[in-house]
Amino acid sequence: MASTMNVEVVSPESVLYSGEATMVITRTLGGGEIAFQAGHAPFLAALTASHTRLFLADGSIENLAVHGGFVEVSNNKVSILSDTAEMASRIDIDRARAAKERAEERLRHENDAEAVAALSRAHARLNAAGVQL
C-alpha cells in the first residue's frame, strides 16, 4: 500500500473532503499543475480554476472543480482552501456547458476579464465531471 497523507478541501460553504490520499494534483496560479505525495516539502501557492484530483488510499479518484484559493502542504497534510469548490458528482453538466457557451460568446465580441474567468470556471467544472472539451 502506498504511503498516505491527510487531505482537506474546504470552501466557505463546507468541508468537501477530509481524509487520506496517496496523491493530490491541482493547478497553481502561473505555475501549472503540481502533484503532492506523502512527505512532500512544505509548499504554499495560490490556485487557479482547475480540475483537482485526489487519489484516495483505496485506489479510487475523487474529482473536484476548484475555483481559486490556496494550497498549503506541511507535516504530511495537503490543505486546499478554495474560494469555491465542487465535487464532480454534484456538477450540473448542462449548466456548465451553457456557462461555457455564454463566456465564449462574450469573448467573441470583446476581451473581457470576467468572461475569461467564467470560461476557466466552466472548463474546470466540465473537466472534473469527465466531459471531453
C-alpha atoms as a PDB file:
ATOM      1  CA  MET A   1       0.000   0.000   0.000  1.00  0.00           C
ATOM      2  CA  ALA A   2       1.323   3.435  -0.927  1.00  0.00           C
ATOM      3  CA  SER A   3       2.087   5.993   1.757  1.00  0.00           C
ATOM      4  CA  THR A   4      -0.782   8.314   2.520  1.00  0.00           C
ATOM      5  CA  MET A   5      -1.212  11.865   3.715  1.00  0.00           C
ATOM      6  CA  ASN A   6      -4.089  13.772   5.231  1.00  0.00           C
ATOM      7  CA  VAL A   7      -6.042  15.923   2.760  1.00  0.00           C
ATOM      8  CA  GLU A   8      -8.659  18.577   3.381  1.00  0.00           C
ATOM      9  CA  VAL A   9     -10.576  20.519   0.742  1.00  0.00           C
ATOM     10  CA  VAL A  10     -12.508  23.392   2.277  1.00  0.00           C
ATOM     11  CA  SER A  11     -14.661  26.130   0.782  1.00  0.00           C
ATOM     12  CA  PRO A  12     -16.513  28.876   2.668  1.00  0.00           C
ATOM     13  CA  GLU A  13     -19.684  26.771   2.453  1.00  0.00           C
ATOM     14  CA  SER A  14     -18.362  23.402   3.631  1.00  0.00           C
ATOM     15  CA  VAL A  15     -15.649  20.824   4.036  1.00  0.00           C
ATOM     16  CA  LEU A  16     -15.798  18.969   0.723  1.00  0.00           C
ATOM     17  CA  TYR A  17     -13.271  16.297   1.607  1.00  0.00           C
ATOM     18  CA  SER A  18     -11.333  15.281   4.677  1.00  0.00           C
ATOM     19  CA  GLY A  19      -9.395  12.022   4.674  1.00  0.00           C
ATOM     20  CA  GLU A  20      -6.392  10.106   3.427  1.00  0.00           C
ATOM     21  CA  ALA A  21      -4.953  10.188  -0.094  1.00  0.00           C
ATOM     22  CA  THR A  22      -1.833   8.944  -1.825  1.00  0.00           C
ATOM     23  CA  MET A  23      -1.602  11.918  -4.205  1.00  0.00           C
ATOM     24  CA  VAL A  24      -3.234  15.274  -4.960  1.00  0.00           C
ATOM     25  CA  ILE A  25      -2.950  17.012  -8.333  1.00  0.00           C
ATOM     26  CA  THR A  26      -4.071  20.618  -8.691  1.00  0.00           C
ATOM     27  CA  ARG A  27      -3.129  23.743 -10.665  1.00  0.00           C
ATOM     28  CA  THR A  28      -1.371  26.770  -9.215  1.00  0.00           C
ATOM     29  CA  LEU A  29      -1.688  30.315 -10.471  1.00  0.00           C
ATOM     30  CA  GLY A  30       1.068  30.833 -13.019  1.00  0.00           C
ATOM     31  CA  GLY A  31       2.780  27.579 -12.106  1.00  0.00           C
ATOM     32  CA  GLY A  32       0.849  24.855 -13.897  1.00  0.00           C
ATOM     33  CA  GLU A  33      -0.196  21.507 -12.485  1.00  0.00           C
ATOM     34  CA  ILE A  34       1.544  20.198  -9.397  1.00  0.00           C
ATOM     35  CA  ALA A  35       1.324  16.827  -7.659  1.00  0.00           C
ATOM     36  CA  PHE A  36       1.757  16.216  -3.946  1.00  0.00           C
ATOM     37  CA  GLN A  37       2.557  12.873  -2.343  1.00  0.00           C
ATOM     38  CA  ALA A  38       3.299  11.826   1.224  1.00  0.00           C
ATOM     39  CA  GLY A  39       6.395  13.515   2.597  1.00  0.00           C
ATOM     40  CA  HIS A  40       6.245  16.488   0.192  1.00  0.00           C
ATOM     41  CA  ALA A  41       8.272  19.524   1.255  1.00  0.00           C
ATOM     42  CA  PRO A  42       6.355  22.460   2.733  1.00  0.00           C
ATOM     43  CA  PHE A  43       4.623  24.427  -0.015  1.00  0.00           C
ATOM     44  CA  LEU A  44       2.198  27.333  -0.341  1.00  0.00           C
ATOM     45  CA  ALA A  45       0.675  28.695  -3.562  1.00  0.00           C
ATOM     46  CA  ALA A  46      -2.384  30.422  -4.965  1.00  0.00           C
ATOM     47  CA  LEU A  47      -4.739  28.268  -7.021  1.00  0.00           C
ATOM     48  CA  THR A  48      -6.450  28.950 -10.311  1.00  0.00           C
ATOM     49  CA  ALA A  49      -9.693  27.425 -11.577  1.00  0.00           C
ATOM     50  CA  SER A  50      -8.869  23.794 -12.252  1.00  0.00           C
ATOM     51  CA  HIS A  51      -9.811  20.150 -12.226  1.00  0.00           C
ATOM     52  CA  THR A  52      -8.255  18.855  -8.991  1.00  0.00           C
ATOM     53  CA  ARG A  53      -7.779  15.135  -8.425  1.00  0.00           C
ATOM     54  CA  LEU A  54      -7.500  13.301  -5.120  1.00  0.00           C
ATOM     55  CA  PHE A  55      -6.051   9.793  -5.423  1.00  0.00           C
ATOM     56  CA  LEU A  56      -7.553   8.024  -2.429  1.00  0.00           C
ATOM     57  CA  ALA A  57      -5.941   5.258  -0.429  1.00  0.00           C
ATOM     58  CA  ASP A  58      -8.482   2.692  -1.710  1.00  0.00           C
ATOM     59  CA  GLY A  59      -7.378   3.334  -5.315  1.00  0.00           C
ATOM     60  CA  SER A  60     -10.344   5.498  -6.308  1.00  0.00           C
ATOM     61  CA  ILE A  61     -10.077   9.058  -7.583  1.00  0.00           C
ATOM     62  CA  GLU A  62     -12.174  11.936  -6.285  1.00  0.00           C
ATOM     63  CA  ASN A  63     -12.550  14.696  -8.889  1.00  0.00           C
ATOM     64  CA  LEU A  64     -13.284  18.289  -7.944  1.00  0.00           C
ATOM     65  CA  ALA A  65     -13.606  21.639  -9.654  1.00  0.00           C
ATOM     66  CA  VAL A  66     -11.631  24.180  -7.630  1.00  0.00           C
ATOM     67  CA  HIS A  67     -12.102  27.878  -8.363  1.00  0.00           C
ATOM     68  CA  GLY A  68      -9.240  29.819  -6.814  1.00  0.00           C
ATOM     69  CA  GLY A  69      -7.913  29.860  -3.294  1.00  0.00           C
ATOM     70  CA  PHE A  70      -4.718  28.417  -1.834  1.00  0.00           C
ATOM     71  CA  VAL A  71      -2.950  25.106  -1.372  1.00  0.00           C
ATOM     72  CA  GLU A  72      -0.709  24.522   1.623  1.00  0.00           C
ATOM     73  CA  VAL A  73       1.422  21.463   2.286  1.00  0.00           C
ATOM     74  CA  SER A  74       3.037  20.843   5.663  1.00  0.00           C
ATOM     75  CA  ASN A  75       3.551  17.953   8.075  1.00  0.00           C
ATOM     76  CA  ASN A  76       2.232  15.352   5.608  1.00  0.00           C
ATOM     77  CA  LYS A  77      -1.017  17.269   5.105  1.00  0.00           C
ATOM     78  CA  VAL A  78      -2.400  18.963   1.985  1.00  0.00           C
ATOM     79  CA  SER A  79      -4.945  21.706   2.651  1.00  0.00           C
ATOM     80  CA  ILE A  80      -6.880  23.249  -0.206  1.00  0.00           C
ATOM     81  CA  LEU A  81      -8.669  26.393   0.906  1.00  0.00           C
ATOM     82  CA  SER A  82     -10.841  27.291  -2.040  1.00  0.00           C
ATOM     83  CA  ASP A  83     -12.924  30.342  -2.840  1.00  0.00           C
ATOM     84  CA  THR A  84     -15.417  27.866  -4.337  1.00  0.00           C
ATOM     85  CA  ALA A  85     -15.123  24.127  -4.952  1.00  0.00           C
ATOM     86  CA  GLU A  86     -17.471  21.432  -6.228  1.00  0.00           C
ATOM     87  CA  MET A  87     -17.364  17.656  -6.148  1.00  0.00           C
ATOM     88  CA  ALA A  88     -17.637  16.245  -9.683  1.00  0.00           C
ATOM     89  CA  SER A  89     -20.702  14.243  -8.714  1.00  0.00           C
ATOM     90  CA  ARG A  90     -22.569  17.472  -7.884  1.00  0.00           C
ATOM     91  CA  ILE A  91     -21.737  19.388 -11.078  1.00  0.00           C
ATOM     92  CA  ASP A  92     -24.667  20.178 -13.363  1.00  0.00           C
ATOM     93  CA  ILE A  93     -23.091  19.411 -16.758  1.00  0.00           C
ATOM     94  CA  ASP A  94     -25.808  21.159 -18.807  1.00  0.00           C
ATOM     95  CA  ARG A  95     -25.429  24.310 -16.721  1.00  0.00           C
ATOM     96  CA  ALA A  96     -21.613  24.194 -17.058  1.00  0.00           C
ATOM     97  CA  ARG A  97     -21.905  23.792 -20.840  1.00  0.00           C
ATOM     98  CA  ALA A  98     -24.296  26.748 -21.025  1.00  0.00           C
ATOM     99  CA  ALA A  99     -21.891  28.879 -18.948  1.00  0.00           C
ATOM    100  CA  LYS A 100     -19.033  27.885 -21.275  1.00  0.00           C
ATOM    101  CA  GLU A 101     -21.058  28.879 -24.340  1.00  0.00           C
ATOM    102  CA  ARG A 102     -22.032  32.249 -22.798  1.00  0.00           C
ATOM    103  CA  ALA A 103     -18.397  33.020 -21.919  1.00  0.00           C
ATOM    104  CA  GLU A 104     -17.208  32.035 -25.398  1.00  0.00           C
ATOM    105  CA  GLU A 105     -19.859  34.248 -26.977  1.00  0.00           C
ATOM    106  CA  ARG A 106     -18.783  37.230 -24.831  1.00  0.00           C
ATOM    107  CA  LEU A 107     -15.155  36.644 -25.779  1.00  0.00           C
ATOM    108  CA  ARG A 108     -16.013  36.679 -29.486  1.00  0.00           C
ATOM    109  CA  HIS A 109     -17.052  40.327 -29.080  1.00  0.00           C
ATOM    110  CA  GLU A 110     -14.556  41.647 -26.540  1.00  0.00           C
ATOM    111  CA  ASN A 111     -11.640  40.566 -24.386  1.00  0.00           C
ATOM    112  CA  ASP A 112     -13.384  40.733 -21.037  1.00  0.00           C
ATOM    113  CA  ALA A 113     -11.534  39.543 -17.900  1.00  0.00           C
ATOM    114  CA  GLU A 114     -14.774  38.319 -16.294  1.00  0.00           C
ATOM    115  CA  ALA A 115     -15.625  36.275 -19.408  1.00  0.00           C
ATOM    116  CA  VAL A 116     -12.131  34.733 -19.336  1.00  0.00           C
ATOM    117  CA  ALA A 117     -12.636  33.820 -15.658  1.00  0.00           C
ATOM    118  CA  ALA A 118     -16.104  32.398 -16.381  1.00  0.00           C
ATOM    119  CA  LEU A 119     -14.681  30.279 -19.194  1.00  0.00           C
ATOM    120  CA  SER A 120     -11.944  28.962 -16.878  1.00  0.00           C
ATOM    121  CA  ARG A 121     -14.542  28.026 -14.250  1.00  0.00           C
ATOM    122  CA  ALA A 122     -16.696  26.262 -16.860  1.00  0.00           C
ATOM    123  CA  HIS A 123     -13.673  24.315 -18.149  1.00  0.00           C
ATOM    124  CA  ALA A 124     -12.764  23.274 -14.590  1.00  0.00           C
ATOM    125  CA  ARG A 125     -16.314  22.036 -13.966  1.00  0.00           C
ATOM    126  CA  LEU A 126     -16.552  20.137 -17.228  1.00  0.00           C
ATOM    127  CA  ASN A 127     -13.087  18.575 -16.845  1.00  0.00           C
ATOM    128  CA  ALA A 128     -13.863  17.491 -13.274  1.00  0.00           C
ATOM    129  CA  ALA A 129     -17.139  15.961 -14.461  1.00  0.00           C
ATOM    130  CA  GLY A 130     -15.263  13.969 -17.112  1.00  0.00           C
ATOM    131  CA  VAL A 131     -16.591  15.864 -20.138  1.00  0.00           C
ATOM    132  CA  GLN A 132     -14.161  15.995 -23.060  1.00  0.00           C
ATOM    133  CA  LEU A 133     -13.661  19.552 -24.304  1.00  0.00           C
END
